[in-house]
N, C-alpha and C. Protein backbone atom coordinates (compact mmCIF):
# COMPACT_ATOMS: atom_id res chain seq x y z
N UNK A 1 19.22 19.36 -3.04
CA UNK A 1 19.31 19.66 -1.63
C UNK A 1 18.93 18.45 -0.79
N UNK A 2 17.84 17.81 -1.18
CA UNK A 2 17.36 16.68 -0.38
C UNK A 2 18.24 15.45 -0.57
N UNK A 3 18.75 15.24 -1.77
CA UNK A 3 19.64 14.10 -2.01
C UNK A 3 20.90 14.24 -1.17
N UNK A 4 21.50 15.41 -1.19
CA UNK A 4 22.71 15.63 -0.41
C UNK A 4 22.43 15.57 1.09
N UNK A 5 21.29 16.09 1.51
CA UNK A 5 20.92 16.01 2.93
C UNK A 5 20.73 14.56 3.34
N UNK A 6 20.08 13.78 2.49
CA UNK A 6 19.89 12.36 2.77
C UNK A 6 21.21 11.62 2.87
N UNK A 7 22.14 11.94 1.96
CA UNK A 7 23.46 11.31 2.01
C UNK A 7 24.20 11.68 3.29
N UNK A 8 24.08 12.94 3.70
CA UNK A 8 24.75 13.38 4.93
C UNK A 8 24.20 12.63 6.14
N UNK A 9 22.87 12.48 6.20
CA UNK A 9 22.27 11.75 7.32
C UNK A 9 22.65 10.28 7.29
N UNK A 10 22.69 9.71 6.10
CA UNK A 10 23.07 8.29 5.97
C UNK A 10 24.52 8.08 6.44
N UNK A 11 25.42 8.94 5.99
CA UNK A 11 26.82 8.84 6.40
C UNK A 11 26.96 9.03 7.92
N UNK A 12 26.21 9.97 8.48
CA UNK A 12 26.26 10.18 9.92
C UNK A 12 25.76 8.96 10.68
N UNK A 13 24.70 8.32 10.17
CA UNK A 13 24.19 7.12 10.84
C UNK A 13 25.20 5.98 10.76
N UNK A 14 25.91 5.86 9.65
CA UNK A 14 26.95 4.83 9.54
C UNK A 14 28.10 5.14 10.50
N UNK A 15 28.43 6.42 10.66
CA UNK A 15 29.47 6.79 11.62
C UNK A 15 29.10 6.30 13.01
N UNK A 16 27.86 6.53 13.39
CA UNK A 16 27.41 6.11 14.72
C UNK A 16 27.35 4.60 14.83
N UNK A 17 26.84 3.95 13.80
CA UNK A 17 26.69 2.50 13.83
C UNK A 17 28.05 1.80 13.89
N UNK A 18 29.01 2.28 13.10
CA UNK A 18 30.33 1.64 13.03
C UNK A 18 31.34 2.26 13.99
N UNK A 19 30.94 3.34 14.64
CA UNK A 19 31.81 4.04 15.59
C UNK A 19 33.13 4.45 14.94
N UNK A 20 33.03 5.10 13.79
CA UNK A 20 34.20 5.59 13.07
C UNK A 20 33.96 7.05 12.69
N UNK A 21 35.05 7.77 12.40
CA UNK A 21 34.96 9.16 11.95
C UNK A 21 34.99 9.20 10.43
N UNK A 22 34.29 10.17 9.89
CA UNK A 22 34.28 10.38 8.45
C UNK A 22 34.03 11.85 8.16
N UNK A 23 34.65 12.36 7.10
CA UNK A 23 34.42 13.74 6.69
C UNK A 23 33.31 13.84 5.66
N UNK A 24 32.79 12.71 5.20
CA UNK A 24 31.79 12.71 4.13
C UNK A 24 30.50 13.44 4.49
N UNK A 25 29.97 13.33 5.71
CA UNK A 25 28.74 14.09 5.99
C UNK A 25 28.93 15.59 5.77
N UNK A 26 30.11 16.11 6.14
CA UNK A 26 30.36 17.54 5.95
C UNK A 26 30.40 17.92 4.48
N UNK A 27 30.93 17.04 3.64
CA UNK A 27 30.96 17.30 2.20
C UNK A 27 29.54 17.37 1.65
N UNK A 28 28.69 16.44 2.07
CA UNK A 28 27.31 16.44 1.60
C UNK A 28 26.54 17.66 2.12
N UNK A 29 26.80 18.05 3.35
CA UNK A 29 26.15 19.25 3.90
C UNK A 29 26.59 20.48 3.12
N UNK A 30 27.87 20.55 2.79
CA UNK A 30 28.37 21.68 1.99
C UNK A 30 27.67 21.74 0.64
N UNK A 31 27.50 20.59 0.01
CA UNK A 31 26.80 20.54 -1.28
C UNK A 31 25.34 20.97 -1.12
N UNK A 32 24.70 20.53 -0.05
CA UNK A 32 23.30 20.92 0.19
C UNK A 32 23.20 22.42 0.46
N UNK A 33 24.16 22.96 1.21
CA UNK A 33 24.16 24.40 1.48
C UNK A 33 24.37 25.20 0.20
N UNK A 34 25.20 24.69 -0.68
CA UNK A 34 25.42 25.36 -1.96
C UNK A 34 24.12 25.40 -2.77
N UNK A 35 23.41 24.28 -2.78
CA UNK A 35 22.12 24.24 -3.48
C UNK A 35 21.12 25.17 -2.80
N UNK A 36 21.19 25.29 -1.48
CA UNK A 36 20.31 26.20 -0.74
C UNK A 36 20.57 27.65 -1.15
N UNK A 37 21.84 28.00 -1.27
CA UNK A 37 22.17 29.37 -1.68
C UNK A 37 21.68 29.65 -3.10
N UNK A 38 21.76 28.65 -3.97
CA UNK A 38 21.23 28.83 -5.33
C UNK A 38 19.72 29.05 -5.30
N UNK A 39 19.04 28.28 -4.46
CA UNK A 39 17.59 28.45 -4.33
C UNK A 39 17.25 29.82 -3.78
N UNK A 40 17.99 30.27 -2.77
CA UNK A 40 17.75 31.60 -2.20
C UNK A 40 17.96 32.69 -3.25
N UNK A 41 19.00 32.53 -4.07
CA UNK A 41 19.25 33.52 -5.14
C UNK A 41 18.10 33.54 -6.12
N UNK A 42 17.59 32.37 -6.45
CA UNK A 42 16.45 32.29 -7.36
C UNK A 42 15.23 32.98 -6.76
N UNK A 43 14.99 32.75 -5.48
CA UNK A 43 13.84 33.37 -4.82
C UNK A 43 14.00 34.89 -4.74
N UNK A 44 15.24 35.36 -4.52
CA UNK A 44 15.48 36.80 -4.46
C UNK A 44 15.27 37.47 -5.82
N UNK A 45 15.47 36.71 -6.90
CA UNK A 45 15.31 37.26 -8.25
C UNK A 45 13.85 37.51 -8.59
N UNK A 46 12.95 36.97 -7.76
CA UNK A 46 11.51 37.19 -7.91
C UNK A 46 11.01 36.80 -9.31
N UNK A 47 11.17 35.52 -9.70
CA UNK A 47 10.78 35.09 -11.05
C UNK A 47 9.26 35.06 -11.26
N UNK A 48 8.50 35.22 -10.21
CA UNK A 48 7.05 35.12 -10.31
C UNK A 48 6.37 36.49 -10.30
N UNK A 49 7.13 37.54 -10.50
CA UNK A 49 6.58 38.90 -10.42
C UNK A 49 5.34 39.02 -11.31
N UNK A 50 4.27 39.49 -10.72
CA UNK A 50 3.01 39.64 -11.43
C UNK A 50 2.19 38.36 -11.48
N UNK A 51 2.69 37.29 -10.85
CA UNK A 51 1.98 36.02 -10.84
C UNK A 51 0.89 35.99 -9.79
N UNK A 52 0.10 34.97 -9.86
CA UNK A 52 -1.00 34.77 -8.91
C UNK A 52 -0.44 34.21 -7.61
N UNK A 53 -0.66 34.92 -6.52
CA UNK A 53 -0.13 34.53 -5.21
C UNK A 53 -0.60 33.14 -4.80
N UNK A 54 -1.81 32.76 -5.14
CA UNK A 54 -2.34 31.44 -4.77
C UNK A 54 -1.53 30.33 -5.45
N UNK A 55 -1.03 30.59 -6.64
CA UNK A 55 -0.22 29.60 -7.35
C UNK A 55 1.23 29.61 -6.88
N UNK A 56 1.71 30.75 -6.44
CA UNK A 56 3.11 30.91 -6.04
C UNK A 56 3.36 30.42 -4.61
N UNK A 57 2.41 30.62 -3.73
CA UNK A 57 2.59 30.32 -2.31
C UNK A 57 3.03 28.89 -2.02
N UNK A 58 2.47 27.86 -2.66
CA UNK A 58 2.94 26.49 -2.39
C UNK A 58 4.43 26.29 -2.72
N UNK A 59 4.88 26.87 -3.82
CA UNK A 59 6.29 26.73 -4.20
C UNK A 59 7.20 27.41 -3.19
N UNK A 60 6.80 28.58 -2.72
CA UNK A 60 7.59 29.30 -1.72
C UNK A 60 7.61 28.53 -0.40
N UNK A 61 6.49 27.93 -0.05
CA UNK A 61 6.41 27.14 1.18
C UNK A 61 7.35 25.94 1.11
N UNK A 62 7.34 25.23 -0.01
CA UNK A 62 8.24 24.08 -0.18
C UNK A 62 9.69 24.53 -0.11
N UNK A 63 10.02 25.62 -0.78
CA UNK A 63 11.39 26.14 -0.75
C UNK A 63 11.81 26.48 0.67
N UNK A 64 10.93 27.09 1.42
CA UNK A 64 11.22 27.43 2.81
C UNK A 64 11.49 26.18 3.65
N UNK A 65 10.67 25.17 3.46
CA UNK A 65 10.86 23.91 4.21
C UNK A 65 12.18 23.24 3.82
N UNK A 66 12.52 23.25 2.55
CA UNK A 66 13.78 22.65 2.11
C UNK A 66 14.97 23.35 2.74
N UNK A 67 14.93 24.66 2.77
CA UNK A 67 16.01 25.44 3.39
C UNK A 67 16.12 25.10 4.87
N UNK A 68 15.00 24.99 5.54
CA UNK A 68 15.00 24.65 6.98
C UNK A 68 15.53 23.23 7.20
N UNK A 69 15.17 22.30 6.34
CA UNK A 69 15.64 20.92 6.48
C UNK A 69 17.16 20.86 6.37
N UNK A 70 17.73 21.59 5.43
CA UNK A 70 19.18 21.60 5.27
C UNK A 70 19.84 22.14 6.54
N UNK A 71 19.27 23.17 7.14
CA UNK A 71 19.83 23.70 8.40
C UNK A 71 19.76 22.66 9.51
N UNK A 72 18.66 21.93 9.59
CA UNK A 72 18.52 20.88 10.61
C UNK A 72 19.52 19.75 10.38
N UNK A 73 19.69 19.35 9.14
CA UNK A 73 20.65 18.28 8.81
C UNK A 73 22.06 18.71 9.19
N UNK A 74 22.39 19.96 8.93
CA UNK A 74 23.71 20.48 9.30
C UNK A 74 23.92 20.38 10.80
N UNK A 75 22.93 20.76 11.58
CA UNK A 75 23.03 20.68 13.04
C UNK A 75 23.18 19.23 13.51
N UNK A 76 22.45 18.31 12.89
CA UNK A 76 22.56 16.90 13.26
C UNK A 76 23.97 16.38 12.96
N UNK A 77 24.48 16.71 11.79
CA UNK A 77 25.82 16.24 11.41
C UNK A 77 26.89 16.83 12.31
N UNK A 78 26.73 18.09 12.70
CA UNK A 78 27.67 18.70 13.64
C UNK A 78 27.62 17.99 14.99
N UNK A 79 26.44 17.63 15.44
CA UNK A 79 26.30 16.92 16.73
C UNK A 79 26.93 15.53 16.65
N UNK A 80 26.74 14.83 15.54
CA UNK A 80 27.33 13.50 15.36
C UNK A 80 28.86 13.61 15.34
N UNK A 81 29.36 14.64 14.66
CA UNK A 81 30.81 14.84 14.62
C UNK A 81 31.37 15.14 16.01
N UNK A 82 30.66 15.96 16.76
CA UNK A 82 31.08 16.27 18.13
C UNK A 82 31.08 15.00 18.99
N UNK A 83 30.04 14.19 18.86
CA UNK A 83 29.98 12.93 19.60
C UNK A 83 31.14 12.02 19.21
N UNK A 84 31.43 11.94 17.92
CA UNK A 84 32.53 11.09 17.44
C UNK A 84 33.86 11.55 18.03
N UNK A 85 34.04 12.85 18.15
CA UNK A 85 35.26 13.37 18.74
C UNK A 85 35.32 13.08 20.24
N UNK A 86 34.21 13.29 20.94
CA UNK A 86 34.19 13.04 22.38
C UNK A 86 34.34 11.56 22.72
N UNK A 87 33.81 10.70 21.85
CA UNK A 87 33.89 9.26 22.08
C UNK A 87 35.15 8.65 21.48
N UNK A 88 36.00 9.49 20.93
CA UNK A 88 37.26 9.05 20.33
C UNK A 88 37.08 7.97 19.26
N UNK A 89 36.10 8.19 18.38
CA UNK A 89 35.93 7.28 17.25
C UNK A 89 37.21 7.32 16.42
N UNK A 90 37.59 6.18 15.88
CA UNK A 90 38.78 6.08 15.04
C UNK A 90 38.44 6.45 13.61
N UNK A 91 39.35 7.15 12.93
CA UNK A 91 39.13 7.41 11.50
C UNK A 91 39.11 6.09 10.74
N UNK A 92 38.28 6.01 9.75
CA UNK A 92 38.18 4.78 8.98
C UNK A 92 38.66 5.01 7.56
N UNK A 93 39.59 4.18 7.12
CA UNK A 93 40.10 4.28 5.75
C UNK A 93 39.20 3.55 4.77
N UNK A 94 38.47 2.54 5.24
CA UNK A 94 37.64 1.75 4.32
C UNK A 94 36.19 2.17 4.34
N UNK A 95 35.92 3.27 4.99
CA UNK A 95 34.54 3.69 5.19
C UNK A 95 33.80 3.98 3.89
N UNK A 96 34.51 4.47 2.87
CA UNK A 96 33.85 4.89 1.63
C UNK A 96 34.39 4.16 0.41
N UNK A 97 34.51 2.86 0.50
CA UNK A 97 35.02 2.11 -0.64
C UNK A 97 33.93 1.40 -1.41
N UNK A 98 32.70 1.83 -1.25
CA UNK A 98 31.62 1.28 -2.03
C UNK A 98 31.74 1.72 -3.48
N UNK A 99 31.17 0.96 -4.38
CA UNK A 99 31.24 1.30 -5.80
C UNK A 99 29.84 1.47 -6.36
N UNK A 100 29.77 2.23 -7.41
CA UNK A 100 28.50 2.43 -8.09
C UNK A 100 28.71 2.04 -9.54
N UNK A 101 27.84 1.17 -10.04
CA UNK A 101 27.94 0.72 -11.42
C UNK A 101 26.61 0.98 -12.11
N UNK A 102 26.68 1.41 -13.37
CA UNK A 102 25.47 1.62 -14.15
C UNK A 102 25.40 0.57 -15.24
N UNK A 103 24.20 0.06 -15.47
CA UNK A 103 23.99 -0.90 -16.55
C UNK A 103 22.77 -0.47 -17.33
N UNK A 104 22.74 -0.83 -18.60
CA UNK A 104 21.62 -0.45 -19.44
C UNK A 104 20.97 -1.71 -19.99
N UNK A 105 19.64 -1.78 -19.88
CA UNK A 105 18.91 -2.91 -20.44
C UNK A 105 18.66 -2.68 -21.92
N UNK A 106 18.18 -3.69 -22.60
CA UNK A 106 17.89 -3.59 -24.03
C UNK A 106 16.82 -2.55 -24.33
N UNK A 107 15.91 -2.33 -23.39
CA UNK A 107 14.83 -1.37 -23.64
C UNK A 107 15.23 0.07 -23.32
N UNK A 108 16.50 0.30 -22.98
CA UNK A 108 16.99 1.66 -22.76
C UNK A 108 16.91 2.14 -21.33
N UNK A 109 16.36 1.35 -20.41
CA UNK A 109 16.31 1.79 -19.02
C UNK A 109 17.67 1.59 -18.37
N UNK A 110 17.94 2.38 -17.36
CA UNK A 110 19.22 2.32 -16.67
C UNK A 110 18.98 1.93 -15.23
N UNK A 111 19.75 0.97 -14.74
CA UNK A 111 19.68 0.56 -13.35
C UNK A 111 21.00 0.89 -12.68
N UNK A 112 20.97 1.50 -11.51
CA UNK A 112 22.18 1.83 -10.78
C UNK A 112 22.27 0.88 -9.61
N UNK A 113 23.40 0.20 -9.49
CA UNK A 113 23.63 -0.77 -8.43
C UNK A 113 24.70 -0.23 -7.52
N UNK A 114 24.42 -0.11 -6.25
CA UNK A 114 25.39 0.39 -5.28
C UNK A 114 25.82 -0.76 -4.39
N UNK A 115 27.12 -0.99 -4.36
CA UNK A 115 27.67 -1.99 -3.46
C UNK A 115 28.24 -1.24 -2.28
N UNK A 116 27.82 -1.59 -1.09
CA UNK A 116 28.23 -0.85 0.09
C UNK A 116 29.09 -1.72 1.00
N UNK A 117 30.15 -1.12 1.59
CA UNK A 117 30.99 -1.88 2.50
C UNK A 117 30.40 -1.94 3.91
N UNK A 118 29.22 -1.42 4.10
CA UNK A 118 28.64 -1.34 5.43
C UNK A 118 27.95 -2.65 5.78
N UNK A 119 28.66 -3.53 6.44
CA UNK A 119 28.10 -4.82 6.80
C UNK A 119 27.64 -4.86 8.25
N UNK A 120 27.95 -3.83 9.00
CA UNK A 120 27.63 -3.85 10.42
C UNK A 120 26.15 -3.62 10.64
């Protein structure tokens, strides 16, 4: 949920910075909302039945905050999209041409390198 929310906010900030339109924030918000629904289903299943409320309450609090954050991110992305439409931002074809490469060191660790086209 948080990774997708972060990606949505990052894409929205690039839209504003470069003054271009992109559908990517909406895709990330959709993914975050899907994860939110999965979390809600898990909470409705009551997996902690008979558990100690003092131990359960922090997890429920975190889940509640995560759900609220996704709702806030959705509202921010909708506002950025509305601004982009009102300001007549141009669609960008090169907006998402960054690449991600994975490499493995001899000791088995993995490093992910992201090359981004965002030079502005």
